[in-house]
C-alpha atoms as a PDB file:
ATOM      1  CA  UNK A   1     -14.950 201.939 -48.046  1.00  0.00           C
ATOM      2  CA  UNK A   2     -11.399 201.545 -46.656  1.00  0.00           C
ATOM      3  CA  UNK A   3      -8.145 201.828 -48.805  1.00  0.00           C
ATOM      4  CA  UNK A   4      -6.600 198.680 -49.949  1.00  0.00           C
ATOM      5  CA  UNK A   5      -3.516 197.539 -48.278  1.00  0.00           C
ATOM      6  CA  UNK A   6      -0.420 198.289 -50.486  1.00  0.00           C
ATOM      7  CA  UNK A   7       1.198 195.230 -52.012  1.00  0.00           C
ATOM      8  CA  UNK A   8       4.498 193.556 -50.977  1.00  0.00           C
ATOM      9  CA  UNK A   9       6.405 195.292 -53.909  1.00  0.00           C
ATOM     10  CA  UNK A  10       5.249 198.837 -52.736  1.00  0.00           C
ATOM     11  CA  UNK A  11       6.272 198.114 -49.120  1.00  0.00           C
ATOM     12  CA  UNK A  12       9.611 196.689 -50.367  1.00  0.00           C
ATOM     13  CA  UNK A  13      10.199 199.601 -52.608  1.00  0.00           C
ATOM     14  CA  UNK A  14       9.572 201.976 -49.701  1.00  0.00           C
ATOM     15  CA  UNK A  15      11.995 200.086 -47.448  1.00  0.00           C
ATOM     16  CA  UNK A  16      14.631 200.227 -49.934  1.00  0.00           C
ATOM     17  CA  UNK A  17      14.357 203.931 -50.259  1.00  0.00           C
ATOM     18  CA  UNK A  18      14.268 204.569 -46.472  1.00  0.00           C
ATOM     19  CA  UNK A  19      17.446 202.234 -46.218  1.00  0.00           C
ATOM     20  CA  UNK A  20      19.274 204.276 -48.930  1.00  0.00           C
ATOM     21  CA  UNK A  21      18.403 207.626 -47.626  1.00  0.00           C
ATOM     22  CA  UNK A  22      19.380 206.668 -44.123  1.00  0.00           C
ATOM     23  CA  UNK A  23      22.846 205.208 -45.206  1.00  0.00           C
ATOM     24  CA  UNK A  24      23.326 208.412 -47.352  1.00  0.00           C
ATOM     25  CA  UNK A  25      22.551 210.681 -44.496  1.00  0.00           C
ATOM     26  CA  UNK A  26      24.944 208.740 -42.133  1.00  0.00           C
ATOM     27  CA  UNK A  27      27.704 208.536 -44.633  1.00  0.00           C
ATOM     28  CA  UNK A  28      27.455 212.366 -45.833  1.00  0.00           C
ATOM     29  CA  UNK A  29      29.416 213.893 -42.946  1.00  0.00           C
ATOM     30  CA  UNK A  30      32.186 211.519 -43.331  1.00  0.00           C
ATOM     31  CA  UNK A  31      32.354 212.185 -47.005  1.00  0.00           C
ATOM     32  CA  UNK A  32      32.377 216.034 -46.297  1.00  0.00           C
ATOM     33  CA  UNK A  33      34.912 215.618 -43.595  1.00  0.00           C
ATOM     34  CA  UNK A  34      37.418 213.852 -45.803  1.00  0.00           C
ATOM     35  CA  UNK A  35      37.473 216.826 -48.184  1.00  0.00           C
ATOM     36  CA  UNK A  36      37.560 219.510 -45.470  1.00  0.00           C
ATOM     37  CA  UNK A  37      40.132 217.968 -43.134  1.00  0.00           C
ATOM     38  CA  UNK A  38      42.986 219.982 -44.849  1.00  0.00           C
ATOM     39  CA  UNK A  39      40.913 223.100 -44.883  1.00  0.00           C
ATOM     40  CA  UNK A  40      42.255 226.278 -43.078  1.00  0.00           C
ATOM     41  CA  UNK A  41      38.879 227.195 -41.894  1.00  0.00           C
ATOM     42  CA  UNK A  42      38.374 223.958 -40.292  1.00  0.00           C
ATOM     43  CA  UNK A  43      41.687 224.159 -38.563  1.00  0.00           C
ATOM     44  CA  UNK A  44      40.764 227.511 -37.337  1.00  0.00           C
ATOM     45  CA  UNK A  45      37.467 226.609 -36.027  1.00  0.00           C
ATOM     46  CA  UNK A  46      38.924 223.474 -34.348  1.00  0.00           C
ATOM     47  CA  UNK A  47      41.437 225.783 -32.504  1.00  0.00           C
ATOM     48  CA  UNK A  48      39.001 228.478 -31.658  1.00  0.00           C
ATOM     49  CA  UNK A  49      35.675 226.742 -31.005  1.00  0.00           C
ATOM     50  CA  UNK A  50      36.533 225.214 -27.655  1.00  0.00           C
ATOM     51  CA  UNK A  51      37.346 228.640 -26.098  1.00  0.00           C
ATOM     52  CA  UNK A  52      34.332 230.228 -27.691  1.00  0.00           C
ATOM     53  CA  UNK A  53      32.069 227.412 -26.448  1.00  0.00           C
ATOM     54  CA  UNK A  54      33.567 227.798 -22.772  1.00  0.00           C
ATOM     55  CA  UNK A  55      32.914 231.717 -22.908  1.00  0.00           C
ATOM     56  CA  UNK A  56      29.278 231.050 -23.994  1.00  0.00           C
ATOM     57  CA  UNK A  57      28.952 228.441 -21.219  1.00  0.00           C
ATOM     58  CA  UNK A  58      30.277 230.764 -18.402  1.00  0.00           C
ATOM     59  CA  UNK A  59      27.983 233.638 -19.784  1.00  0.00           C
ATOM     60  CA  UNK A  60      25.021 231.339 -19.736  1.00  0.00           C
ATOM     61  CA  UNK A  61      25.860 230.228 -16.190  1.00  0.00           C
ATOM     62  CA  UNK A  62      26.575 233.496 -14.838  1.00  0.00           C
ATOM     63  CA  UNK A  63      23.585 235.428 -16.345  1.00  0.00           C
ATOM     64  CA  UNK A  64      21.205 234.921 -13.415  1.00  0.00           C
ATOM     65  CA  UNK A  65      23.567 235.354 -10.557  1.00  0.00           C
ATOM     66  CA  UNK A  66      22.053 237.380  -7.887  1.00  0.00           C
ATOM     67  CA  UNK A  67      23.256 238.685  -4.457  1.00  0.00           C
ATOM     68  CA  UNK A  68      22.502 235.417  -2.913  1.00  0.00           C
ATOM     69  CA  UNK A  69      24.254 233.153  -5.272  1.00  0.00           C
ATOM     70  CA  UNK A  70      27.310 235.093  -6.578  1.00  0.00           C
ATOM     71  CA  UNK A  71      29.687 233.576  -4.063  1.00  0.00           C
ATOM     72  CA  UNK A  72      29.129 229.894  -5.175  1.00  0.00           C
ATOM     73  CA  UNK A  73      29.119 230.646  -8.722  1.00  0.00           C
ATOM     74  CA  UNK A  74      32.494 232.651  -8.321  1.00  0.00           C
ATOM     75  CA  UNK A  75      33.975 229.771  -6.218  1.00  0.00           C
ATOM     76  CA  UNK A  76      32.816 227.164  -8.800  1.00  0.00           C
ATOM     77  CA  UNK A  77      34.247 229.175 -11.733  1.00  0.00           C
ATOM     78  CA  UNK A  78      37.586 229.691  -9.861  1.00  0.00           C
ATOM     79  CA  UNK A  79      37.789 226.018  -8.981  1.00  0.00           C
ATOM     80  CA  UNK A  80      37.033 224.975 -12.543  1.00  0.00           C
ATOM     81  CA  UNK A  81      39.631 227.130 -13.978  1.00  0.00           C
ATOM     82  CA  UNK A  82      42.234 226.201 -11.376  1.00  0.00           C
ATOM     83  CA  UNK A  83      41.653 222.564 -11.881  1.00  0.00           C
ATOM     84  CA  UNK A  84      41.869 222.715 -15.631  1.00  0.00           C
ATOM     85  CA  UNK A  85      45.061 224.900 -15.487  1.00  0.00           C
ATOM     86  CA  UNK A  86      46.590 222.149 -13.175  1.00  0.00           C
ATOM     87  CA  UNK A  87      45.438 218.992 -14.850  1.00  0.00           C
ATOM     88  CA  UNK A  88      44.446 219.943 -18.404  1.00  0.00           C
ATOM     89  CA  UNK A  89      41.363 217.791 -18.180  1.00  0.00           C
ATOM     90  CA  UNK A  90      37.809 219.051 -19.251  1.00  0.00           C
ATOM     91  CA  UNK A  91      36.066 216.323 -17.423  1.00  0.00           C
ATOM     92  CA  UNK A  92      37.921 216.735 -14.191  1.00  0.00           C
ATOM     93  CA  UNK A  93      37.648 220.373 -14.062  1.00  0.00           C
ATOM     94  CA  UNK A  94      33.925 220.227 -14.908  1.00  0.00           C
ATOM     95  CA  UNK A  95      33.274 217.682 -12.199  1.00  0.00           C
ATOM     96  CA  UNK A  96      35.481 219.741  -9.699  1.00  0.00           C
ATOM     97  CA  UNK A  97      33.875 222.939 -10.516  1.00  0.00           C
ATOM     98  CA  UNK A  98      30.420 221.504 -10.146  1.00  0.00           C
ATOM     99  CA  UNK A  99      31.262 219.870  -6.744  1.00  0.00           C
ATOM    100  CA  UNK A 100      32.694 223.240  -5.502  1.00  0.00           C
ATOM    101  CA  UNK A 101      29.647 225.118  -6.622  1.00  0.00           C
ATOM    102  CA  UNK A 102      27.167 222.704  -5.076  1.00  0.00           C
ATOM    103  CA  UNK A 103      29.158 222.552  -1.748  1.00  0.00           C
ATOM    104  CA  UNK A 104      29.534 226.381  -1.682  1.00  0.00           C
ATOM    105  CA  UNK A 105      25.855 226.785  -2.498  1.00  0.00           C
ATOM    106  CA  UNK A 106      24.891 224.351   0.335  1.00  0.00           C
ATOM    107  CA  UNK A 107      27.032 226.201   2.901  1.00  0.00           C
ATOM    108  CA  UNK A 108      26.349 229.863   1.682  1.00  0.00           C
ATOM    109  CA  UNK A 109      22.558 229.560   1.429  1.00  0.00           C
END
């Protein structure tokens, strides 16, 4: 015999609980950030993490570079660094480095 369908009160209570949990989870990072904004640790991480993330991305990109693909990778990396030092724009340097890598890969292969 099938289970009876829950009543409207049960469904409404479940929806209210889901709503409260969702709102609470979305508000929690903002509440935590307000208290941590003046923290020395957060300031240090804000200054150090972009460079650390870039180092990890470069290492990940260059981990599989072999004899046939080293020149496009080096040219793309050099282009990315050069454009970033010139314009200080992460988006522009990423696009330029990718374009250089793709073009060098097309002509080197």
